[in-house]
Amino acid sequence: QQKELRISEMNTLISQINPHFLYNTLDSIIWMAEGRKYEEVVLMTASLARLLRQSISNEDEVVPLAREVEYAKGYLTIQKMRYKDKLEFEIDVEPSILNIPLIKLVLQPIIENAIYHGIDRMVDQGFITIRIFPDGEDIVFQVEDNGIGMTEEQCSQFLKQEGSDRQGLGGIGIKNVNDRIKIYFGEKYGISIESELDEGTCVTIRMPKVKGDEV
């Protein structure tokens, strides 16, 4: 019964992520259409269709890390098209762990918040660095940006926010990812945030390597 409840709660949380992602990406497509950038609209819409096909598929919640990385690349490519010279990114993942199974859709909401609540408000170019590496029996994800940063209080609020809008702190994506990881693996795993005003933010995600009996 506890496992069934955990899976039900997880499905509720992941269902909240997809509309959040969809809204922001459609917003980008509208922005391009208004600028009459029709070829880019076609490319972005095709990319969105591929991403949504993966995110709402009926496959298991657990996927190879390589697929999660490709999902993140697709999302970042869409946003780079929108921001042009204002956004660059780099993904550094150790090849030996690409086939490790992990719960899906953990990176995209973190990247989304880095863009909209860090880089979007910058005058200079924004840069997002994603590092994924093993640490003993765990996998660690780090999403670091050079955005506007946050206070210690704001970092704490990010993991508690129940709702968001693009003008406020946000945090719904980060909170949901944190909740999903804790539902799966327990309180010792999840997200931590380090940030400095005008310097940037680093979000760290820690999960254990998934075994068949854990999902």
Protein backbone atom coordinates (compact mmCIF):
# COMPACT_ATOMS: atom_id res chain seq x y z
CA GLN A 1 0.00 0.00 0.00
CA GLN A 2 2.84 2.41 0.81
CA LYS A 3 4.50 1.68 -2.54
CA GLU A 4 1.22 2.24 -4.42
CA LEU A 5 0.74 5.54 -2.59
CA ARG A 6 4.30 6.58 -3.43
CA ILE A 7 3.78 5.83 -7.14
CA SER A 8 0.45 7.68 -7.14
CA GLU A 9 2.07 10.75 -5.56
CA MET A 10 4.93 10.58 -8.08
CA ASN A 11 2.51 10.47 -11.02
CA THR A 12 0.71 13.52 -9.65
CA LEU A 13 3.97 15.43 -9.34
CA ILE A 14 5.22 14.60 -12.83
CA SER A 15 1.88 15.60 -14.33
CA GLN A 16 2.46 19.10 -12.94
CA ILE A 17 5.82 19.44 -14.69
CA ASN A 18 4.64 18.93 -18.26
CA PRO A 19 2.21 21.90 -18.45
CA HIS A 20 4.81 24.16 -16.85
CA PHE A 21 7.34 23.21 -19.54
CA LEU A 22 4.73 23.38 -22.31
CA TYR A 23 3.61 26.89 -21.36
CA ASN A 24 7.11 28.36 -21.43
CA THR A 25 8.05 26.69 -24.72
CA LEU A 26 4.85 27.77 -26.44
CA ASP A 27 5.57 31.26 -25.19
CA SER A 28 8.89 31.10 -27.06
CA ILE A 29 7.18 29.90 -30.24
CA ILE A 30 4.68 32.77 -30.07
CA TRP A 31 7.53 35.24 -29.64
CA MET A 32 9.23 33.91 -32.81
CA ALA A 33 6.00 33.86 -34.80
CA GLU A 34 5.36 37.50 -33.94
CA GLY A 35 8.84 38.26 -35.30
CA ARG A 36 7.98 36.41 -38.55
CA LYS A 37 10.80 33.93 -38.01
CA TYR A 38 8.86 31.14 -39.69
CA GLU A 39 11.71 28.69 -40.32
CA GLU A 40 12.69 28.89 -36.68
CA VAL A 41 9.05 28.40 -35.65
CA VAL A 42 8.96 25.17 -37.68
CA LEU A 43 12.23 23.94 -36.17
CA MET A 44 11.22 24.80 -32.63
CA THR A 45 7.75 23.25 -32.99
CA ALA A 46 9.28 20.03 -34.34
CA SER A 47 11.71 19.96 -31.40
CA LEU A 48 8.86 20.54 -28.97
CA ALA A 49 6.86 17.70 -30.49
CA ARG A 50 9.77 15.30 -30.01
CA LEU A 51 10.30 16.37 -26.43
CA LEU A 52 6.63 16.07 -25.53
CA ARG A 53 6.43 12.64 -27.14
CA GLN A 54 9.13 11.50 -24.73
CA SER A 55 7.84 13.29 -21.64
CA ILE A 56 4.22 12.08 -21.89
CA SER A 57 5.00 8.59 -23.18
CA ASN A 58 3.60 5.60 -21.31
CA GLU A 59 7.01 4.03 -20.85
CA ASP A 60 8.48 3.40 -17.42
CA GLU A 61 9.38 6.36 -15.26
CA VAL A 62 12.95 5.07 -15.23
CA VAL A 63 15.07 5.74 -18.35
CA PRO A 64 18.78 5.55 -19.22
CA LEU A 65 20.76 8.62 -18.26
CA ALA A 66 21.61 9.13 -21.95
CA ARG A 67 17.94 9.78 -22.71
CA GLU A 68 17.67 12.33 -19.91
CA VAL A 69 20.74 14.10 -21.28
CA GLU A 70 19.26 14.18 -24.80
CA TYR A 71 16.02 15.58 -23.39
CA ALA A 72 17.97 18.36 -21.67
CA LYS A 73 19.92 19.10 -24.87
CA GLY A 74 16.66 19.38 -26.82
CA TYR A 75 15.18 21.79 -24.30
CA LEU A 76 18.33 23.92 -24.19
CA THR A 77 18.47 24.01 -27.98
CA ILE A 78 14.92 25.35 -28.08
CA GLN A 79 15.73 28.06 -25.56
CA LYS A 80 19.01 28.97 -27.23
CA MET A 81 17.03 29.62 -30.44
CA ARG A 82 14.90 32.06 -28.53
CA TYR A 83 17.68 33.85 -26.71
CA LYS A 84 20.15 33.91 -29.63
CA ASP A 85 23.49 35.30 -28.43
CA LYS A 86 22.24 35.66 -24.87
CA LEU A 87 22.38 31.94 -23.97
CA GLU A 88 25.10 29.32 -24.27
CA PHE A 89 25.35 25.94 -22.58
CA GLU A 90 27.72 23.06 -21.96
CA ILE A 91 26.95 19.50 -20.83
CA ASP A 92 29.73 17.43 -19.28
CA VAL A 93 28.78 13.83 -18.49
CA GLU A 94 31.06 10.89 -17.85
CA PRO A 95 30.46 8.38 -20.71
CA SER A 96 30.72 5.36 -18.41
CA ILE A 97 27.43 6.24 -16.69
CA LEU A 98 25.26 7.02 -19.74
CA ASN A 99 23.46 3.65 -19.58
CA ILE A 100 22.65 3.87 -15.87
CA PRO A 101 18.86 3.94 -15.29
CA LEU A 102 17.45 6.94 -13.43
CA ILE A 103 14.04 8.53 -12.93
CA LYS A 104 13.32 10.82 -15.86
CA LEU A 105 12.58 14.55 -16.14
CA VAL A 106 14.86 15.75 -13.36
CA LEU A 107 17.09 18.10 -15.38
CA GLN A 108 14.64 20.07 -17.52
CA PRO A 109 12.75 21.81 -14.69
CA ILE A 110 16.06 22.84 -13.07
CA ILE A 111 17.35 24.25 -16.37
CA GLU A 112 14.06 26.04 -16.92
CA ASN A 113 14.35 27.84 -13.61
CA ALA A 114 17.99 28.73 -14.30
CA ILE A 115 16.90 30.42 -17.53
CA TYR A 116 13.77 32.23 -16.39
CA HIS A 117 14.85 33.25 -12.91
CA GLY A 118 18.55 33.80 -13.48
CA ILE A 119 19.60 34.42 -17.06
CA ASP A 120 16.41 35.99 -18.41
CA ARG A 121 17.00 39.14 -16.36
CA MET A 122 20.66 39.55 -17.30
CA VAL A 123 22.13 42.14 -19.63
CA ASP A 124 25.25 40.09 -20.40
CA GLN A 125 25.39 36.63 -21.96
CA GLY A 126 24.10 33.78 -19.87
CA PHE A 127 25.90 30.46 -19.59
CA ILE A 128 24.59 27.19 -18.16
CA THR A 129 26.97 24.37 -17.28
CA ILE A 130 25.62 20.89 -16.55
CA ARG A 131 27.90 18.34 -14.91
CA ILE A 132 26.84 14.73 -14.28
CA PHE A 133 29.16 12.33 -12.50
CA PRO A 134 29.16 9.26 -10.21
CA ASP A 135 29.88 9.60 -6.51
CA GLY A 136 30.12 6.15 -4.97
CA GLU A 137 26.71 4.53 -5.28
CA ASP A 138 25.08 7.86 -6.17
CA ILE A 139 24.73 10.00 -9.27
CA VAL A 140 25.22 13.76 -8.90
CA PHE A 141 23.80 16.37 -11.27
CA GLN A 142 24.94 19.99 -11.07
CA VAL A 143 23.25 22.79 -13.02
CA GLU A 144 25.24 26.00 -12.67
CA ASP A 145 24.41 29.38 -14.18
CA ASN A 146 26.06 32.81 -14.16
CA GLY A 147 22.74 34.57 -13.58
CA ILE A 148 21.59 37.16 -11.08
CA GLY A 149 21.81 34.81 -8.10
CA MET A 150 19.70 34.61 -4.95
CA THR A 151 19.90 35.25 -1.25
CA GLU A 152 20.11 32.36 1.22
CA GLU A 153 16.46 32.97 2.13
CA GLN A 154 15.38 32.80 -1.50
CA CYS A 155 17.27 29.51 -1.96
CA SER A 156 15.35 28.05 0.96
CA GLN A 157 12.01 29.33 -0.39
CA PHE A 158 12.68 27.75 -3.79
CA LEU A 159 12.34 24.26 -2.30
CA LYS A 160 9.11 25.17 -0.50
CA GLN A 161 7.16 27.09 -3.16
CA GLU A 162 3.76 25.55 -3.91
CA GLY A 163 3.10 27.71 -6.95
CA SER A 164 4.80 30.17 -9.22
CA ASP A 165 4.55 32.72 -11.96
CA ARG A 166 7.26 34.00 -14.26
CA GLN A 167 7.41 37.31 -12.47
CA GLY A 168 8.04 35.81 -9.05
CA LEU A 169 10.51 33.39 -7.53
CA GLY A 170 9.07 30.36 -9.24
CA GLY A 171 10.38 27.09 -7.87
CA ILE A 172 7.51 24.79 -8.82
CA GLY A 173 9.78 22.74 -11.09
CA ILE A 174 12.55 22.49 -8.52
CA LYS A 175 10.14 21.64 -5.71
CA ASN A 176 8.50 18.89 -7.75
CA VAL A 177 11.80 17.30 -8.73
CA ASN A 178 12.91 17.40 -5.10
CA ASP A 179 9.63 15.83 -3.96
CA ARG A 180 9.79 13.09 -6.60
CA ILE A 181 13.32 12.10 -5.62
CA LYS A 182 12.41 11.97 -1.93
CA ILE A 183 9.27 9.93 -2.68
CA TYR A 184 11.40 7.41 -4.54
CA PHE A 185 14.54 7.24 -2.44
CA GLY A 186 14.04 8.93 0.93
CA GLU A 187 14.94 12.15 2.68
CA LYS A 188 18.73 11.81 2.34
CA TYR A 189 18.44 12.42 -1.41
CA GLY A 190 17.17 15.40 -3.36
CA ILE A 191 18.23 18.94 -4.20
CA SER A 192 20.46 21.55 -2.61
CA ILE A 193 21.00 25.11 -3.84
CA GLU A 194 24.01 27.40 -3.50
CA SER A 195 23.88 30.95 -4.81
CA GLU A 196 25.42 34.40 -4.58
CA LEU A 197 23.79 37.63 -5.71
CA ASP A 198 25.20 38.87 -9.04
CA GLU A 199 27.40 35.76 -9.27
CA GLY A 200 25.07 32.89 -10.15
CA THR A 201 23.45 29.74 -8.81
CA CYS A 202 24.41 26.07 -8.61
CA VAL A 203 21.65 23.47 -8.10
CA THR A 204 22.87 20.02 -7.07
CA ILE A 205 20.72 16.90 -7.45
CA ARG A 206 21.73 13.68 -5.73
CA MET A 207 20.12 10.32 -6.46
CA PRO A 208 21.20 6.72 -5.91
CA LYS A 209 21.79 4.51 -8.92
CA VAL A 210 18.44 2.81 -9.55
CA LYS A 211 18.08 -0.92 -9.06
CA GLY A 212 15.12 -2.93 -10.30
CA ASP A 213 13.63 -3.52 -6.84
CA GLU A 214 13.68 0.21 -6.03
CA VAL A 215 11.10 1.25 -8.63
